[in-house]
Amino acid sequence: KVERFLFACDFEDESLPAFQKAKSFA
């Protein structure tokens, strides 16, 4: 079970797709 999911990135535009996928995963 994942109650707290930590996503780390550089917060550059290139990471936007990965962030959206991480958000959906959570």
mmCIF file of all heavy atoms, coordinates in Angstrom:
data_MODEL
# 
_entry.id   MODEL 
# 
loop_
_atom_site.group_PDB 
_atom_site.id 
_atom_site.type_symbol 
_atom_site.label_atom_id 
_atom_site.label_alt_id 
_atom_site.label_comp_id 
_atom_site.label_asym_id 
_atom_site.label_entity_id 
_atom_site.label_seq_id 
_atom_site.pdbx_PDB_ins_code 
_atom_site.Cartn_x 
_atom_site.Cartn_y 
_atom_site.Cartn_z 
_atom_site.occupancy 
_atom_site.B_iso_or_equiv 
_atom_site.pdbx_formal_charge 
_atom_site.auth_seq_id 
_atom_site.auth_comp_id 
_atom_site.auth_asym_id 
_atom_site.auth_atom_id 
_atom_site.pdbx_PDB_model_num 
ATOM 1   N N   . LYS A 1 1  ? 0.844  -1.187 0.000   1.00 0.00 ? 1  LYS A N   1 
ATOM 2   C CA  . LYS A 1 1  ? 0.000  0.000  0.000   1.00 0.00 ? 1  LYS A CA  1 
ATOM 3   C C   . LYS A 1 1  ? 0.879  1.236  0.000   1.00 0.00 ? 1  LYS A C   1 
ATOM 4   O O   . LYS A 1 1  ? 1.892  1.287  0.698   1.00 0.00 ? 1  LYS A O   1 
ATOM 5   C CB  . LYS A 1 1  ? -0.928 0.015  1.217   1.00 0.00 ? 1  LYS A CB  1 
ATOM 6   C CG  . LYS A 1 1  ? -2.032 -1.023 1.164   1.00 0.00 ? 1  LYS A CG  1 
ATOM 7   C CD  . LYS A 1 1  ? -2.975 -0.883 2.341   1.00 0.00 ? 1  LYS A CD  1 
ATOM 8   C CE  . LYS A 1 1  ? -4.104 -1.917 2.254   1.00 0.00 ? 1  LYS A CE  1 
ATOM 9   N NZ  . LYS A 1 1  ? -5.035 -1.810 3.411   1.00 0.00 ? 1  LYS A NZ  1 
ATOM 10  N N   . VAL A 1 2  ? 0.506  2.209  -0.797  1.00 0.00 ? 2  VAL A N   1 
ATOM 11  C CA  . VAL A 1 2  ? 1.235  3.471  -0.854  1.00 0.00 ? 2  VAL A CA  1 
ATOM 12  C C   . VAL A 1 2  ? 0.313  4.570  -0.350  1.00 0.00 ? 2  VAL A C   1 
ATOM 13  O O   . VAL A 1 2  ? -0.651 4.949  -1.027  1.00 0.00 ? 2  VAL A O   1 
ATOM 14  C CB  . VAL A 1 2  ? 1.713  3.791  -2.285  1.00 0.00 ? 2  VAL A CB  1 
ATOM 15  C CG1 . VAL A 1 2  ? 2.439  5.130  -2.316  1.00 0.00 ? 2  VAL A CG1 1 
ATOM 16  C CG2 . VAL A 1 2  ? 2.626  2.685  -2.799  1.00 0.00 ? 2  VAL A CG2 1 
ATOM 17  N N   . GLU A 1 3  ? 0.589  5.056  0.845   1.00 0.00 ? 3  GLU A N   1 
ATOM 18  C CA  . GLU A 1 3  ? -0.214 6.142  1.410   1.00 0.00 ? 3  GLU A CA  1 
ATOM 19  C C   . GLU A 1 3  ? 0.429  7.499  1.124   1.00 0.00 ? 3  GLU A C   1 
ATOM 20  O O   . GLU A 1 3  ? -0.271 8.492  0.931   1.00 0.00 ? 3  GLU A O   1 
ATOM 21  C CB  . GLU A 1 3  ? -0.389 5.947  2.910   1.00 0.00 ? 3  GLU A CB  1 
ATOM 22  C CG  . GLU A 1 3  ? -1.190 4.696  3.259   1.00 0.00 ? 3  GLU A CG  1 
ATOM 23  C CD  . GLU A 1 3  ? -1.380 4.531  4.748   1.00 0.00 ? 3  GLU A CD  1 
ATOM 24  O OE1 . GLU A 1 3  ? -0.773 5.320  5.517   1.00 0.00 ? 3  GLU A OE1 1 
ATOM 25  O OE2 . GLU A 1 3  ? -2.118 3.609  5.151   1.00 0.00 ? 3  GLU A OE2 1 
ATOM 26  N N   . ARG A 1 4  ? 1.772  7.534  1.102   1.00 0.00 ? 4  ARG A N   1 
ATOM 27  C CA  . ARG A 1 4  ? 2.514  8.768  0.830   1.00 0.00 ? 4  ARG A CA  1 
ATOM 28  C C   . ARG A 1 4  ? 3.497  8.501  -0.305  1.00 0.00 ? 4  ARG A C   1 
ATOM 29  O O   . ARG A 1 4  ? 4.420  7.707  -0.156  1.00 0.00 ? 4  ARG A O   1 
ATOM 30  C CB  . ARG A 1 4  ? 3.249  9.244  2.091   1.00 0.00 ? 4  ARG A CB  1 
ATOM 31  C CG  . ARG A 1 4  ? 2.311  9.737  3.188   1.00 0.00 ? 4  ARG A CG  1 
ATOM 32  C CD  . ARG A 1 4  ? 3.054  9.961  4.490   1.00 0.00 ? 4  ARG A CD  1 
ATOM 33  N NE  . ARG A 1 4  ? 3.566  8.711  5.021   1.00 0.00 ? 4  ARG A NE  1 
ATOM 34  C CZ  . ARG A 1 4  ? 2.846  7.865  5.738   1.00 0.00 ? 4  ARG A CZ  1 
ATOM 35  N NH1 . ARG A 1 4  ? 1.579  8.134  6.018   1.00 0.00 ? 4  ARG A NH1 1 
ATOM 36  N NH2 . ARG A 1 4  ? 3.378  6.746  6.174   1.00 0.00 ? 4  ARG A NH2 1 
ATOM 37  N N   . PHE A 1 5  ? 3.247  9.165  -1.425  1.00 0.00 ? 5  PHE A N   1 
ATOM 38  C CA  . PHE A 1 5  ? 4.068  8.961  -2.618  1.00 0.00 ? 5  PHE A CA  1 
ATOM 39  C C   . PHE A 1 5  ? 4.888  10.218 -2.894  1.00 0.00 ? 5  PHE A C   1 
ATOM 40  O O   . PHE A 1 5  ? 4.333  11.293 -3.141  1.00 0.00 ? 5  PHE A O   1 
ATOM 41  C CB  . PHE A 1 5  ? 3.172  8.635  -3.814  1.00 0.00 ? 5  PHE A CB  1 
ATOM 42  C CG  . PHE A 1 5  ? 3.926  8.412  -5.101  1.00 0.00 ? 5  PHE A CG  1 
ATOM 43  C CD1 . PHE A 1 5  ? 4.961  7.498  -5.170  1.00 0.00 ? 5  PHE A CD1 1 
ATOM 44  C CD2 . PHE A 1 5  ? 3.593  9.115  -6.247  1.00 0.00 ? 5  PHE A CD2 1 
ATOM 45  C CE1 . PHE A 1 5  ? 5.649  7.284  -6.352  1.00 0.00 ? 5  PHE A CE1 1 
ATOM 46  C CE2 . PHE A 1 5  ? 4.267  8.916  -7.430  1.00 0.00 ? 5  PHE A CE2 1 
ATOM 47  C CZ  . PHE A 1 5  ? 5.307  7.994  -7.484  1.00 0.00 ? 5  PHE A CZ  1 
ATOM 48  N N   . LEU A 1 6  ? 6.206  10.084 -2.843  1.00 0.00 ? 6  LEU A N   1 
ATOM 49  C CA  . LEU A 1 6  ? 7.109  11.227 -3.031  1.00 0.00 ? 6  LEU A CA  1 
ATOM 50  C C   . LEU A 1 6  ? 7.604  11.279 -4.468  1.00 0.00 ? 6  LEU A C   1 
ATOM 51  O O   . LEU A 1 6  ? 8.180  10.315 -4.975  1.00 0.00 ? 6  LEU A O   1 
ATOM 52  C CB  . LEU A 1 6  ? 8.302  11.100 -2.083  1.00 0.00 ? 6  LEU A CB  1 
ATOM 53  C CG  . LEU A 1 6  ? 9.355  12.210 -2.186  1.00 0.00 ? 6  LEU A CG  1 
ATOM 54  C CD1 . LEU A 1 6  ? 8.772  13.542 -1.718  1.00 0.00 ? 6  LEU A CD1 1 
ATOM 55  C CD2 . LEU A 1 6  ? 10.592 11.854 -1.375  1.00 0.00 ? 6  LEU A CD2 1 
ATOM 56  N N   . PHE A 1 7  ? 7.391  12.414 -5.131  1.00 0.00 ? 7  PHE A N   1 
ATOM 57  C CA  . PHE A 1 7  ? 7.883  12.601 -6.494  1.00 0.00 ? 7  PHE A CA  1 
ATOM 58  C C   . PHE A 1 7  ? 8.923  13.705 -6.505  1.00 0.00 ? 7  PHE A C   1 
ATOM 59  O O   . PHE A 1 7  ? 8.677  14.818 -6.022  1.00 0.00 ? 7  PHE A O   1 
ATOM 60  C CB  . PHE A 1 7  ? 6.732  12.965 -7.447  1.00 0.00 ? 7  PHE A CB  1 
ATOM 61  C CG  . PHE A 1 7  ? 7.162  13.161 -8.866  1.00 0.00 ? 7  PHE A CG  1 
ATOM 62  C CD1 . PHE A 1 7  ? 7.540  12.080 -9.657  1.00 0.00 ? 7  PHE A CD1 1 
ATOM 63  C CD2 . PHE A 1 7  ? 7.196  14.426 -9.430  1.00 0.00 ? 7  PHE A CD2 1 
ATOM 64  C CE1 . PHE A 1 7  ? 7.948  12.260 -10.983 1.00 0.00 ? 7  PHE A CE1 1 
ATOM 65  C CE2 . PHE A 1 7  ? 7.595  14.614 -10.748 1.00 0.00 ? 7  PHE A CE2 1 
ATOM 66  C CZ  . PHE A 1 7  ? 7.975  13.529 -11.524 1.00 0.00 ? 7  PHE A CZ  1 
ATOM 67  N N   . ALA A 1 8  ? 10.105 13.404 -7.059  1.00 0.00 ? 8  ALA A N   1 
ATOM 68  C CA  . ALA A 1 8  ? 11.209 14.368 -7.130  1.00 0.00 ? 8  ALA A CA  1 
ATOM 69  C C   . ALA A 1 8  ? 11.549 14.633 -8.585  1.00 0.00 ? 8  ALA A C   1 
ATOM 70  O O   . ALA A 1 8  ? 11.658 13.699 -9.383  1.00 0.00 ? 8  ALA A O   1 
ATOM 71  C CB  . ALA A 1 8  ? 12.433 13.823 -6.401  1.00 0.00 ? 8  ALA A CB  1 
ATOM 72  N N   . CYS A 1 9  ? 11.712 15.903 -8.921  1.00 0.00 ? 9  CYS A N   1 
ATOM 73  C CA  . CYS A 1 9  ? 12.150 16.259 -10.269 1.00 0.00 ? 9  CYS A CA  1 
ATOM 74  C C   . CYS A 1 9  ? 12.823 17.622 -10.237 1.00 0.00 ? 9  CYS A C   1 
ATOM 75  O O   . CYS A 1 9  ? 12.966 18.225 -9.166  1.00 0.00 ? 9  CYS A O   1 
ATOM 76  C CB  . CYS A 1 9  ? 10.989 16.236 -11.269 1.00 0.00 ? 9  CYS A CB  1 
ATOM 77  S SG  . CYS A 1 9  ? 9.834  17.603 -11.119 1.00 0.00 ? 9  CYS A SG  1 
ATOM 78  N N   . ASP A 1 10 ? 13.253 18.115 -11.401 1.00 0.00 ? 10 ASP A N   1 
ATOM 79  C CA  . ASP A 1 10 ? 13.945 19.403 -11.461 1.00 0.00 ? 10 ASP A CA  1 
ATOM 80  C C   . ASP A 1 10 ? 12.998 20.576 -11.687 1.00 0.00 ? 10 ASP A C   1 
ATOM 81  O O   . ASP A 1 10 ? 13.411 21.723 -11.714 1.00 0.00 ? 10 ASP A O   1 
ATOM 82  C CB  . ASP A 1 10 ? 15.003 19.385 -12.563 1.00 0.00 ? 10 ASP A CB  1 
ATOM 83  C CG  . ASP A 1 10 ? 14.413 19.062 -13.930 1.00 0.00 ? 10 ASP A CG  1 
ATOM 84  O OD1 . ASP A 1 10 ? 13.186 18.877 -14.022 1.00 0.00 ? 10 ASP A OD1 1 
ATOM 85  O OD2 . ASP A 1 10 ? 15.193 19.002 -14.894 1.00 0.00 ? 10 ASP A OD2 1 
ATOM 86  N N   . PHE A 1 11 ? 11.688 20.272 -11.887 1.00 0.00 ? 11 PHE A N   1 
ATOM 87  C CA  . PHE A 1 11 ? 10.670 21.302 -12.098 1.00 0.00 ? 11 PHE A CA  1 
ATOM 88  C C   . PHE A 1 11 ? 10.986 22.179 -13.305 1.00 0.00 ? 11 PHE A C   1 
ATOM 89  O O   . PHE A 1 11 ? 10.695 23.366 -13.331 1.00 0.00 ? 11 PHE A O   1 
ATOM 90  C CB  . PHE A 1 11 ? 10.451 22.122 -10.821 1.00 0.00 ? 11 PHE A CB  1 
ATOM 91  C CG  . PHE A 1 11 ? 9.861  21.291 -9.716  1.00 0.00 ? 11 PHE A CG  1 
ATOM 92  C CD1 . PHE A 1 11 ? 10.687 20.636 -8.814  1.00 0.00 ? 11 PHE A CD1 1 
ATOM 93  C CD2 . PHE A 1 11 ? 8.494  21.111 -9.635  1.00 0.00 ? 11 PHE A CD2 1 
ATOM 94  C CE1 . PHE A 1 11 ? 10.154 19.823 -7.828  1.00 0.00 ? 11 PHE A CE1 1 
ATOM 95  C CE2 . PHE A 1 11 ? 7.947  20.297 -8.641  1.00 0.00 ? 11 PHE A CE2 1 
ATOM 96  C CZ  . PHE A 1 11 ? 8.785  19.656 -7.735  1.00 0.00 ? 11 PHE A CZ  1 
ATOM 97  N N   . GLU A 1 12 ? 11.565 21.537 -14.315 1.00 0.00 ? 12 GLU A N   1 
ATOM 98  C CA  . GLU A 1 12 ? 11.725 22.139 -15.629 1.00 0.00 ? 12 GLU A CA  1 
ATOM 99  C C   . GLU A 1 12 ? 10.599 21.624 -16.524 1.00 0.00 ? 12 GLU A C   1 
ATOM 100 O O   . GLU A 1 12 ? 9.966  20.601 -16.234 1.00 0.00 ? 12 GLU A O   1 
ATOM 101 C CB  . GLU A 1 12 ? 13.085 21.770 -16.233 1.00 0.00 ? 12 GLU A CB  1 
ATOM 102 C CG  . GLU A 1 12 ? 14.291 22.305 -15.476 1.00 0.00 ? 12 GLU A CG  1 
ATOM 103 C CD  . GLU A 1 12 ? 14.599 23.774 -15.819 1.00 0.00 ? 12 GLU A CD  1 
ATOM 104 O OE1 . GLU A 1 12 ? 13.742 24.428 -16.478 1.00 0.00 ? 12 GLU A OE1 1 
ATOM 105 O OE2 . GLU A 1 12 ? 15.664 24.251 -15.428 1.00 0.00 ? 12 GLU A OE2 1 
ATOM 106 N N   . ASP A 1 13 ? 10.360 22.308 -17.642 1.00 0.00 ? 13 ASP A N   1 
ATOM 107 C CA  . ASP A 1 13 ? 9.250  21.944 -18.523 1.00 0.00 ? 13 ASP A CA  1 
ATOM 108 C C   . ASP A 1 13 ? 9.328  20.491 -18.984 1.00 0.00 ? 13 ASP A C   1 
ATOM 109 O O   . ASP A 1 13 ? 8.293  19.835 -19.166 1.00 0.00 ? 13 ASP A O   1 
ATOM 110 C CB  . ASP A 1 13 ? 9.215  22.860 -19.749 1.00 0.00 ? 13 ASP A CB  1 
ATOM 111 C CG  . ASP A 1 13 ? 8.764  24.273 -19.399 1.00 0.00 ? 13 ASP A CG  1 
ATOM 112 O OD1 . ASP A 1 13 ? 8.382  24.502 -18.228 1.00 0.00 ? 13 ASP A OD1 1 
ATOM 113 O OD2 . ASP A 1 13 ? 8.809  25.151 -20.288 1.00 0.00 ? 13 ASP A OD2 1 
ATOM 114 N N   . GLU A 1 14 ? 10.535 19.989 -19.166 1.00 0.00 ? 14 GLU A N   1 
ATOM 115 C CA  . GLU A 1 14 ? 10.710 18.617 -19.655 1.00 0.00 ? 14 GLU A CA  1 
ATOM 116 C C   . GLU A 1 14 ? 10.096 17.586 -18.711 1.00 0.00 ? 14 GLU A C   1 
ATOM 117 O O   . GLU A 1 14 ? 9.700  16.493 -19.131 1.00 0.00 ? 14 GLU A O   1 
ATOM 118 C CB  . GLU A 1 14 ? 12.209 18.318 -19.836 1.00 0.00 ? 14 GLU A CB  1 
ATOM 119 C CG  . GLU A 1 14 ? 12.489 16.976 -20.499 1.00 0.00 ? 14 GLU A CG  1 
ATOM 120 C CD  . GLU A 1 14 ? 13.981 16.688 -20.605 1.00 0.00 ? 14 GLU A CD  1 
ATOM 121 O OE1 . GLU A 1 14 ? 14.751 17.209 -19.782 1.00 0.00 ? 14 GLU A OE1 1 
ATOM 122 O OE2 . GLU A 1 14 ? 14.367 15.937 -21.518 1.00 0.00 ? 14 GLU A OE2 1 
ATOM 123 N N   . SER A 1 15 ? 9.984  17.945 -17.432 1.00 0.00 ? 15 SER A N   1 
ATOM 124 C CA  . SER A 1 15 ? 9.463  17.009 -16.443 1.00 0.00 ? 15 SER A CA  1 
ATOM 125 C C   . SER A 1 15 ? 7.946  17.049 -16.303 1.00 0.00 ? 15 SER A C   1 
ATOM 126 O O   . SER A 1 15 ? 7.377  16.265 -15.529 1.00 0.00 ? 15 SER A O   1 
ATOM 127 C CB  . SER A 1 15 ? 10.101 17.283 -15.077 1.00 0.00 ? 15 SER A CB  1 
ATOM 128 O OG  . SER A 1 15 ? 11.486 17.020 -15.105 1.00 0.00 ? 15 SER A OG  1 
ATOM 129 N N   . LEU A 1 16 ? 7.271  17.940 -17.038 1.00 0.00 ? 16 LEU A N   1 
ATOM 130 C CA  . LEU A 1 16 ? 5.815  18.055 -16.920 1.00 0.00 ? 16 LEU A CA  1 
ATOM 131 C C   . LEU A 1 16 ? 5.074  16.750 -17.226 1.00 0.00 ? 16 LEU A C   1 
ATOM 132 O O   . LEU A 1 16 ? 4.176  16.361 -16.474 1.00 0.00 ? 16 LEU A O   1 
ATOM 133 C CB  . LEU A 1 16 ? 5.304  19.184 -17.822 1.00 0.00 ? 16 LEU A CB  1 
ATOM 134 C CG  . LEU A 1 16 ? 5.454  20.604 -17.261 1.00 0.00 ? 16 LEU A CG  1 
ATOM 135 C CD1 . LEU A 1 16 ? 5.207  21.642 -18.353 1.00 0.00 ? 16 LEU A CD1 1 
ATOM 136 C CD2 . LEU A 1 16 ? 4.495  20.828 -16.095 1.00 0.00 ? 16 LEU A CD2 1 
ATOM 137 N N   . PRO A 1 17 ? 5.411  16.040 -18.335 1.00 0.00 ? 17 PRO A N   1 
ATOM 138 C CA  . PRO A 1 17 ? 4.698  14.781 -18.599 1.00 0.00 ? 17 PRO A CA  1 
ATOM 139 C C   . PRO A 1 17 ? 4.872  13.763 -17.474 1.00 0.00 ? 17 PRO A C   1 
ATOM 140 O O   . PRO A 1 17 ? 3.917  13.065 -17.111 1.00 0.00 ? 17 PRO A O   1 
ATOM 141 C CB  . PRO A 1 17 ? 5.340  14.285 -19.905 1.00 0.00 ? 17 PRO A CB  1 
ATOM 142 C CG  . PRO A 1 17 ? 5.897  15.511 -20.549 1.00 0.00 ? 17 PRO A CG  1 
ATOM 143 C CD  . PRO A 1 17 ? 6.362  16.367 -19.419 1.00 0.00 ? 17 PRO A CD  1 
ATOM 144 N N   . ALA A 1 18 ? 6.093  13.666 -16.938 1.00 0.00 ? 18 ALA A N   1 
ATOM 145 C CA  . ALA A 1 18 ? 6.340  12.718 -15.854 1.00 0.00 ? 18 ALA A CA  1 
ATOM 146 C C   . ALA A 1 18 ? 5.548  13.111 -14.612 1.00 0.00 ? 18 ALA A C   1 
ATOM 147 O O   . ALA A 1 18 ? 5.016  12.250 -13.898 1.00 0.00 ? 18 ALA A O   1 
ATOM 148 C CB  . ALA A 1 18 ? 7.834  12.662 -15.532 1.00 0.00 ? 18 ALA A CB  1 
ATOM 149 N N   . PHE A 1 19 ? 5.471  14.408 -14.340 1.00 0.00 ? 19 PHE A N   1 
ATOM 150 C CA  . PHE A 1 19 ? 4.705  14.879 -13.184 1.00 0.00 ? 19 PHE A CA  1 
ATOM 151 C C   . PHE A 1 19 ? 3.229  14.506 -13.321 1.00 0.00 ? 19 PHE A C   1 
ATOM 152 O O   . PHE A 1 19 ? 2.597  14.046 -12.362 1.00 0.00 ? 19 PHE A O   1 
ATOM 153 C CB  . PHE A 1 19 ? 4.842  16.399 -13.037 1.00 0.00 ? 19 PHE A CB  1 
ATOM 154 C CG  . PHE A 1 19 ? 3.850  16.997 -12.072 1.00 0.00 ? 19 PHE A CG  1 
ATOM 155 C CD1 . PHE A 1 19 ? 3.996  16.821 -10.707 1.00 0.00 ? 19 PHE A CD1 1 
ATOM 156 C CD2 . PHE A 1 19 ? 2.758  17.721 -12.547 1.00 0.00 ? 19 PHE A CD2 1 
ATOM 157 C CE1 . PHE A 1 19 ? 3.060  17.363 -9.818  1.00 0.00 ? 19 PHE A CE1 1 
ATOM 158 C CE2 . PHE A 1 19 ? 1.834  18.266 -11.672 1.00 0.00 ? 19 PHE A CE2 1 
ATOM 159 C CZ  . PHE A 1 19 ? 1.986  18.084 -10.299 1.00 0.00 ? 19 PHE A CZ  1 
ATOM 160 N N   . GLN A 1 20 ? 2.655  14.690 -14.515 1.00 0.00 ? 20 GLN A N   1 
ATOM 161 C CA  . GLN A 1 20 ? 1.248  14.361 -14.720 1.00 0.00 ? 20 GLN A CA  1 
ATOM 162 C C   . GLN A 1 20 ? 1.008  12.865 -14.525 1.00 0.00 ? 20 GLN A C   1 
ATOM 163 O O   . GLN A 1 20 ? -0.017 12.451 -13.955 1.00 0.00 ? 20 GLN A O   1 
ATOM 164 C CB  . GLN A 1 20 ? 0.796  14.801 -16.116 1.00 0.00 ? 20 GLN A CB  1 
ATOM 165 C CG  . GLN A 1 20 ? 0.854  16.305 -16.367 1.00 0.00 ? 20 GLN A CG  1 
ATOM 166 C CD  . GLN A 1 20 ? -0.104 17.109 -15.501 1.00 0.00 ? 20 GLN A CD  1 
ATOM 167 O OE1 . GLN A 1 20 ? -0.888 16.554 -14.736 1.00 0.00 ? 20 GLN A OE1 1 
ATOM 168 N NE2 . GLN A 1 20 ? -0.046 18.432 -15.616 1.00 0.00 ? 20 GLN A NE2 1 
ATOM 169 N N   . LYS A 1 21 ? 1.957  12.054 -14.980 1.00 0.00 ? 21 LYS A N   1 
ATOM 170 C CA  . LYS A 1 21 ? 1.835  10.601 -14.801 1.00 0.00 ? 21 LYS A CA  1 
ATOM 171 C C   . LYS A 1 21 ? 1.940  10.238 -13.326 1.00 0.00 ? 21 LYS A C   1 
ATOM 172 O O   . LYS A 1 21 ? 1.222  9.353  -12.835 1.00 0.00 ? 21 LYS A O   1 
ATOM 173 C CB  . LYS A 1 21 ? 2.919  9.878  -15.603 1.00 0.00 ? 21 LYS A CB  1 
ATOM 174 C CG  . LYS A 1 21 ? 2.742  9.967  -17.107 1.00 0.00 ? 21 LYS A CG  1 
ATOM 175 C CD  . LYS A 1 21 ? 3.901  9.321  -17.843 1.00 0.00 ? 21 LYS A CD  1 
ATOM 176 C CE  . LYS A 1 21 ? 3.783  9.501  -19.351 1.00 0.00 ? 21 LYS A CE  1 
ATOM 177 N NZ  . LYS A 1 21 ? 4.950  8.921  -20.075 1.00 0.00 ? 21 LYS A NZ  1 
ATOM 178 N N   . ALA A 1 22 ? 2.844  10.914 -12.610 1.00 0.00 ? 22 ALA A N   1 
ATOM 179 C CA  . ALA A 1 22 ? 3.000  10.659 -11.178 1.00 0.00 ? 22 ALA A CA  1 
ATOM 180 C C   . ALA A 1 22 ? 1.726  11.051 -10.428 1.00 0.00 ? 22 ALA A C   1 
ATOM 181 O O   . ALA A 1 22 ? 1.297  10.355 -9.493  1.00 0.00 ? 22 ALA A O   1 
ATOM 182 C CB  . ALA A 1 22 ? 4.193  11.436 -10.633 1.00 0.00 ? 22 ALA A CB  1 
ATOM 183 N N   . LYS A 1 23 ? 1.129  12.146 -10.844 1.00 0.00 ? 23 LYS A N   1 
ATOM 184 C CA  . LYS A 1 23 ? -0.115 12.615 -10.230 1.00 0.00 ? 23 LYS A CA  1 
ATOM 185 C C   . LYS A 1 23 ? -1.229 11.586 -10.448 1.00 0.00 ? 23 LYS A C   1 
ATOM 186 O O   . LYS A 1 23 ? -1.996 11.267 -9.521  1.00 0.00 ? 23 LYS A O   1 
ATOM 187 C CB  . LYS A 1 23 ? -0.497 13.964 -10.836 1.00 0.00 ? 23 LYS A CB  1 
ATOM 188 C CG  . LYS A 1 23 ? -1.655 14.667 -10.153 1.00 0.00 ? 23 LYS A CG  1 
ATOM 189 C CD  . LYS A 1 23 ? -1.887 16.028 -10.801 1.00 0.00 ? 23 LYS A CD  1 
ATOM 190 C CE  . LYS A 1 23 ? -3.100 16.723 -10.189 1.00 0.00 ? 23 LYS A CE  1 
ATOM 191 N NZ  . LYS A 1 23 ? -3.357 18.027 -10.831 1.00 0.00 ? 23 LYS A NZ  1 
ATOM 192 N N   . SER A 1 24 ? -1.310 11.058 -11.657 1.00 0.00 ? 24 SER A N   1 
ATOM 193 C CA  . SER A 1 24 ? -2.322 10.037 -11.966 1.00 0.00 ? 24 SER A CA  1 
ATOM 194 C C   . SER A 1 24 ? -2.058 8.756  -11.181 1.00 0.00 ? 24 SER A C   1 
ATOM 195 O O   . SER A 1 24 ? -2.999 8.102  -10.711 1.00 0.00 ? 24 SER A O   1 
ATOM 196 C CB  . SER A 1 24 ? -2.327 9.737  -13.468 1.00 0.00 ? 24 SER A CB  1 
ATOM 197 O OG  . SER A 1 24 ? -2.675 10.887 -14.212 1.00 0.00 ? 24 SER A OG  1 
ATOM 198 N N   . PHE A 1 25 ? -0.783 8.397  -11.053 1.00 0.00 ? 25 PHE A N   1 
ATOM 199 C CA  . PHE A 1 25 ? -0.413 7.192  -10.315 1.00 0.00 ? 25 PHE A CA  1 
ATOM 200 C C   . PHE A 1 25 ? -0.840 7.318  -8.855  1.00 0.00 ? 25 PHE A C   1 
ATOM 201 O O   . PHE A 1 25 ? -1.405 6.386  -8.277  1.00 0.00 ? 25 PHE A O   1 
ATOM 202 C CB  . PHE A 1 25 ? 1.102  6.980  -10.408 1.00 0.00 ? 25 PHE A CB  1 
ATOM 203 C CG  . PHE A 1 25 ? 1.605  5.798  -9.620  1.00 0.00 ? 25 PHE A CG  1 
ATOM 204 C CD1 . PHE A 1 25 ? 1.490  4.509  -10.113 1.00 0.00 ? 25 PHE A CD1 1 
ATOM 205 C CD2 . PHE A 1 25 ? 2.203  5.975  -8.378  1.00 0.00 ? 25 PHE A CD2 1 
ATOM 206 C CE1 . PHE A 1 25 ? 1.961  3.425  -9.393  1.00 0.00 ? 25 PHE A CE1 1 
ATOM 207 C CE2 . PHE A 1 25 ? 2.670  4.906  -7.652  1.00 0.00 ? 25 PHE A CE2 1 
ATOM 208 C CZ  . PHE A 1 25 ? 2.549  3.617  -8.157  1.00 0.00 ? 25 PHE A CZ  1 
ATOM 209 N N   . ALA A 1 26 ? -0.562 8.466  -8.245  1.00 0.00 ? 26 ALA A N   1 
ATOM 210 C CA  . ALA A 1 26 ? -0.939 8.689  -6.853  1.00 0.00 ? 26 ALA A CA  1 
ATOM 211 C C   . ALA A 1 26 ? -2.453 8.617  -6.683  1.00 0.00 ? 26 ALA A C   1 
ATOM 212 O O   . ALA A 1 26 ? -2.961 8.021  -5.726  1.00 0.00 ? 26 ALA A O   1 
ATOM 213 C CB  . ALA A 1 26 ? -0.413 10.040 -6.377  1.00 0.00 ? 26 ALA A CB  1 
# 
